[in-house]
Each structure stands twice: as C-alpha cells, then as structure tokens.
C-alpha atoms as a PDB file:
ATOM      1  CA  MET A   1      31.882 194.795  70.597  1.00  0.00           C
ATOM      2  CA  LEU A   2      32.155 191.030  70.924  1.00  0.00           C
ATOM      3  CA  THR A   3      31.319 188.819  67.986  1.00  0.00           C
ATOM      4  CA  TRP A   4      28.819 186.030  68.514  1.00  0.00           C
ATOM      5  CA  SER A   5      31.504 183.328  68.630  1.00  0.00           C
ATOM      6  CA  ALA A   6      33.627 185.326  71.093  1.00  0.00           C
ATOM      7  CA  LYS A   7      30.622 185.903  73.307  1.00  0.00           C
ATOM      8  CA  TYR A   8      29.641 182.210  73.151  1.00  0.00           C
ATOM      9  CA  PRO A   9      32.882 180.208  72.866  1.00  0.00           C
ATOM     10  CA  GLN A  10      31.003 176.912  73.197  1.00  0.00           C
ATOM     11  CA  VAL A  11      29.987 177.306  69.553  1.00  0.00           C
ATOM     12  CA  HIS A  12      33.419 175.949  68.590  1.00  0.00           C
ATOM     13  CA  PHE A  13      32.822 172.823  70.678  1.00  0.00           C
ATOM     14  CA  ILE A  14      29.371 172.396  69.156  1.00  0.00           C
ATOM     15  CA  ALA A  15      30.868 172.655  65.669  1.00  0.00           C
ATOM     16  CA  ILE A  16      33.446 170.006  66.571  1.00  0.00           C
ATOM     17  CA  ALA A  17      30.722 167.763  68.035  1.00  0.00           C
ATOM     18  CA  VAL A  18      28.639 168.075  64.845  1.00  0.00           C
ATOM     19  CA  LEU A  19      31.747 167.306  62.775  1.00  0.00           C
ATOM     20  CA  ALA A  20      32.491 164.251  64.911  1.00  0.00           C
ATOM     21  CA  ALA A  21      28.905 162.986  64.669  1.00  0.00           C
ATOM     22  CA  ILE A  22      28.837 163.372  60.879  1.00  0.00           C
ATOM     23  CA  THR A  23      32.211 161.648  60.580  1.00  0.00           C
ATOM     24  CA  TYR A  24      31.101 158.763  62.807  1.00  0.00           C
ATOM     25  CA  VAL A  25      27.833 158.149  60.968  1.00  0.00           C
ATOM     26  CA  SER A  26      29.447 158.633  57.553  1.00  0.00           C
ATOM     27  CA  LEU A  27      32.088 156.007  58.217  1.00  0.00           C
ATOM     28  CA  LEU A  28      29.836 153.359  59.769  1.00  0.00           C
ATOM     29  CA  PRO A  29      29.420 150.194  57.745  1.00  0.00           C
ATOM     30  CA  GLY A  30      26.142 150.185  55.804  1.00  0.00           C
ATOM     31  CA  LYS A  31      24.801 147.232  57.789  1.00  0.00           C
ATOM     32  CA  ASP A  32      25.063 149.282  61.007  1.00  0.00           C
ATOM     33  CA  LEU A  33      22.886 152.121  59.718  1.00  0.00           C
ATOM     34  CA  PRO A  34      19.209 152.179  60.685  1.00  0.00           C
ATOM     35  CA  ASP A  35      16.565 151.299  58.094  1.00  0.00           C
ATOM     36  CA  SER A  36      13.512 153.444  57.589  1.00  0.00           C
ATOM     37  CA  PHE A  37      10.238 151.637  57.046  1.00  0.00           C
ATOM     38  CA  LEU A  38       8.312 154.739  55.875  1.00  0.00           C
ATOM     39  CA  PHE A  39      10.487 156.254  53.161  1.00  0.00           C
ATOM     40  CA  ASP A  40      14.078 156.623  52.098  1.00  0.00           C
ATOM     41  CA  TYR A  41      15.180 159.639  54.090  1.00  0.00           C
ATOM     42  CA  ASP A  42      18.871 159.368  53.243  1.00  0.00           C
ATOM     43  CA  LYS A  43      19.141 162.526  51.119  1.00  0.00           C
ATOM     44  CA  LEU A  44      17.001 164.515  53.550  1.00  0.00           C
ATOM     45  CA  ALA A  45      19.213 163.336  56.414  1.00  0.00           C
ATOM     46  CA  HIS A  46      22.291 164.429  54.442  1.00  0.00           C
ATOM     47  CA  ALA A  47      20.810 167.873  53.787  1.00  0.00           C
ATOM     48  CA  PHE A  48      19.808 168.436  57.425  1.00  0.00           C
ATOM     49  CA  ALA A  49      23.085 167.135  58.840  1.00  0.00           C
ATOM     50  CA  TYR A  50      25.179 169.333  56.583  1.00  0.00           C
ATOM     51  CA  ALA A  51      22.858 172.294  57.199  1.00  0.00           C
ATOM     52  CA  GLY A  52      23.614 171.941  60.909  1.00  0.00           C
ATOM     53  CA  PHE A  53      27.296 171.539  60.141  1.00  0.00           C
ATOM     54  CA  MET A  54      27.200 174.669  57.982  1.00  0.00           C
ATOM     55  CA  PHE A  55      25.453 176.693  60.677  1.00  0.00           C
ATOM     56  CA  THR A  56      27.930 175.743  63.390  1.00  0.00           C
ATOM     57  CA  THR A  57      30.884 176.217  61.019  1.00  0.00           C
ATOM     58  CA  TRP A  58      29.618 179.655  60.033  1.00  0.00           C
ATOM     59  CA  ARG A  59      29.130 180.651  63.651  1.00  0.00           C
ATOM     60  CA  SER A  60      32.636 179.475  64.484  1.00  0.00           C
ATOM     61  CA  ALA A  61      34.216 181.256  61.527  1.00  0.00           C
ATOM     62  CA  VAL A  62      32.528 184.619  62.231  1.00  0.00           C
ATOM     63  CA  LYS A  63      35.231 185.543  64.740  1.00  0.00           C
ATOM     64  CA  TRP A  64      38.306 184.993  62.591  1.00  0.00           C
ATOM     65  CA  SER A  65      37.177 185.364  58.997  1.00  0.00           C
ATOM     66  CA  SER A  66      35.884 188.202  56.875  1.00  0.00           C
ATOM     67  CA  ARG A  67      34.035 185.641  54.691  1.00  0.00           C
ATOM     68  CA  PRO A  68      32.558 183.061  57.071  1.00  0.00           C
ATOM     69  CA  ILE A  69      29.692 182.090  54.743  1.00  0.00           C
ATOM     70  CA  MET A  70      32.058 181.263  51.885  1.00  0.00           C
ATOM     71  CA  ILE A  71      34.419 179.404  54.206  1.00  0.00           C
ATOM     72  CA  GLY A  72      31.497 177.424  55.580  1.00  0.00           C
ATOM     73  CA  ILE A  73      30.052 176.450  52.189  1.00  0.00           C
ATOM     74  CA  VAL A  74      33.409 175.498  50.668  1.00  0.00           C
ATOM     75  CA  GLY A  75      34.658 173.732  53.805  1.00  0.00           C
ATOM     76  CA  VAL A  76      31.442 171.830  54.447  1.00  0.00           C
ATOM     77  CA  GLY A  77      31.108 170.937  50.758  1.00  0.00           C
ATOM     78  CA  LEU A  78      34.648 169.603  50.559  1.00  0.00           C
ATOM     79  CA  TYR A  79      34.210 167.680  53.792  1.00  0.00           C
ATOM     80  CA  GLY A  80      31.033 166.074  52.470  1.00  0.00           C
ATOM     81  CA  PHE A  81      32.883 165.080  49.309  1.00  0.00           C
ATOM     82  CA  LEU A  82      35.733 163.620  51.384  1.00  0.00           C
ATOM     83  CA  MET A  83      33.294 161.570  53.483  1.00  0.00           C
ATOM     84  CA  GLU A  84      31.765 160.115  50.304  1.00  0.00           C
ATOM     85  CA  VAL A  85      35.202 159.207  48.939  1.00  0.00           C
ATOM     86  CA  LEU A  86      36.148 157.542  52.222  1.00  0.00           C
ATOM     87  CA  GLN A  87      32.894 155.573  52.294  1.00  0.00           C
ATOM     88  CA  GLY A  88      33.794 154.102  48.923  1.00  0.00           C
ATOM     89  CA  LEU A  89      37.344 153.293  49.994  1.00  0.00           C
ATOM     90  CA  ILE A  90      36.736 151.930  53.492  1.00  0.00           C
ATOM     91  CA  HIS A  91      33.562 149.877  53.177  1.00  0.00           C
ATOM     92  CA  SER A  92      32.641 147.279  50.601  1.00  0.00           C
ATOM     93  CA  ASP A  93      28.912 147.776  51.283  1.00  0.00           C
ATOM     94  CA  ARG A  94      28.953 151.584  50.854  1.00  0.00           C
ATOM     95  CA  VAL A  95      29.800 153.505  47.718  1.00  0.00           C
ATOM     96  CA  PHE A  96      30.518 157.045  46.625  1.00  0.00           C
ATOM     97  CA  ASP A  97      27.248 158.748  45.667  1.00  0.00           C
ATOM     98  CA  TRP A  98      27.090 162.049  43.786  1.00  0.00           C
ATOM     99  CA  TRP A  99      23.502 162.503  44.994  1.00  0.00           C
ATOM    100  CA  ASP A 100      24.734 162.418  48.597  1.00  0.00           C
ATOM    101  CA  VAL A 101      27.323 165.076  47.736  1.00  0.00           C
ATOM    102  CA  ALA A 102      24.548 167.153  46.147  1.00  0.00           C
ATOM    103  CA  ALA A 103      22.324 166.741  49.228  1.00  0.00           C
ATOM    104  CA  ASN A 104      25.221 167.832  51.447  1.00  0.00           C
ATOM    105  CA  LEU A 105      25.682 170.951  49.327  1.00  0.00           C
ATOM    106  CA  VAL A 106      21.962 171.699  49.321  1.00  0.00           C
ATOM    107  CA  GLY A 107      21.995 171.751  53.130  1.00  0.00           C
ATOM    108  CA  ALA A 108      25.084 173.971  53.254  1.00  0.00           C
ATOM    109  CA  LEU A 109      23.802 176.328  50.550  1.00  0.00           C
ATOM    110  CA  ALA A 110      20.384 176.627  52.182  1.00  0.00           C
ATOM    111  CA  VAL A 111      21.882 177.752  55.464  1.00  0.00           C
ATOM    112  CA  GLY A 112      24.406 179.971  53.672  1.00  0.00           C
ATOM    113  CA  SER A 113      21.578 181.654  51.749  1.00  0.00           C
ATOM    114  CA  ILE A 114      19.468 182.197  54.850  1.00  0.00           C
ATOM    115  CA  VAL A 115      22.430 183.596  56.757  1.00  0.00           C
ATOM    116  CA  ARG A 116      23.354 185.845  53.840  1.00  0.00           C
ATOM    117  CA  LEU A 117      19.825 187.269  53.687  1.00  0.00           C
ATOM    118  CA  LYS A 118      19.510 187.696  57.423  1.00  0.00           C
ATOM    119  CA  TYR A 119      22.982 189.022  58.296  1.00  0.00           C
END
C-alpha cells in the first residue's frame, strides 16, 4: 500500500515552497512588510504560517519516518527559532522575539495535535 506522500509526490514540492515562502518573508527588512490597519495580526500570521509548514512537513515525512509528527514539530520549531535569530542578526529594524517563537510553536503543535488525534 502506498503512503500518502508516495502517492502524491508533489507534497514534497509544496513543503519546499512553504519553507521558501516563510524564509523569504522572515528575512525581509521590517520596512518591506505590510502594515495592518485593523489589528496587529503578526502572531496569528506566525501561527498560521507555521501550521501550514507543519502540515506539509508532516505529510512529507510520513513516507520515510516512523515518527513524522515529532520530526515535524521539532524541525518546524527549530526552524522558527533559527528565523528569529537570523532576523536579529541580519536586520537592524527587526529583532528576535520570543513571542514569535511561541506563536510558531503554537501553530506547529496545533497541527501536530490534530494529526495525532485523527491519524
């Protein structure tokens, strides 16, 4: 029986595209990021972006790992931490933010929990 990722190999490309999009937006200078006039949606955006990253990472890891949920949560969490560190090092107008790291983990853990309950 084929696993989901073997049956749909494009999931690996989608995971890479999500990774590239998160990397691009994470490393933009602060002045190039859009402003929201309604509310500060930064943490919500972090949670949703990393939830999507977690989902695609999990789907990619299903084929080659016996623990894809754990790999996804740890990998996505560490990547989110790395992006925050790089923001602080690369840009003078962006800083490392523990709340962003927490929002990233919330997104990854939410998807990991849903996947764990469903599969």
